[in-house]
């Protein structure tokens, strides 16, 4: 199973194996933690 989300804005890029309900739940989690994901990404890549 896979789900790829863009973070700016939060949008599902591609998915496979998840139900629509599961994808909605994952999307809400990504949205709730978006700032943390971006901060970690920027720290890792030195931006």
Protein backbone atom coordinates (compact mmCIF):
# COMPACT_ATOMS: atom_id res chain seq x y z
CA UNK A 1 0.00 0.00 0.00
CA UNK A 2 1.20 3.50 -0.79
CA UNK A 3 -0.02 7.06 -0.42
CA UNK A 4 2.00 10.07 -1.56
CA UNK A 5 0.93 13.56 -0.54
CA UNK A 6 2.23 16.95 -1.63
CA UNK A 7 2.55 19.29 1.34
CA UNK A 8 2.12 22.71 -0.31
CA UNK A 9 -0.86 22.48 -0.52
CA UNK A 10 -1.76 19.13 1.00
CA UNK A 11 -2.95 17.10 -1.99
CA UNK A 12 -2.95 13.39 -2.67
CA UNK A 13 -0.44 12.74 -5.47
CA UNK A 14 -0.98 8.99 -5.84
CA UNK A 15 -2.24 6.05 -3.86
CA UNK A 16 -2.69 2.33 -4.10
CA UNK A 17 -4.23 -0.22 -1.80
CA UNK A 18 -6.01 2.13 0.61
CA UNK A 19 -9.77 2.55 0.80
CA UNK A 20 -11.29 6.01 0.35
CA UNK A 21 -12.01 6.11 4.11
CA UNK A 22 -8.38 5.28 4.92
CA UNK A 23 -7.13 7.95 2.49
CA UNK A 24 -9.38 10.55 4.10
CA UNK A 25 -8.01 9.63 7.53
CA UNK A 26 -4.42 9.79 6.27
CA UNK A 27 -5.09 13.16 4.58
CA UNK A 28 -6.38 14.59 7.86
CA UNK A 29 -3.24 13.36 9.65
CA UNK A 30 -0.98 14.84 6.97
CA UNK A 31 -2.82 18.17 7.20
CA UNK A 32 -2.59 18.17 11.01
CA UNK A 33 1.17 17.52 10.94
CA UNK A 34 2.05 19.41 7.75
CA UNK A 35 4.19 22.04 9.47
CA UNK A 36 6.20 19.38 11.30
CA UNK A 37 6.79 17.47 8.06
CA UNK A 38 7.94 20.61 6.27
CA UNK A 39 10.22 21.62 9.14
CA UNK A 40 11.86 18.18 9.20
CA UNK A 41 12.22 18.17 5.41
CA UNK A 42 13.84 21.60 5.42
CA UNK A 43 16.20 20.69 8.28
CA UNK A 44 17.28 17.52 6.50
CA UNK A 45 17.96 19.30 3.20
CA UNK A 46 19.40 22.45 4.81
CA UNK A 47 16.79 24.88 3.55
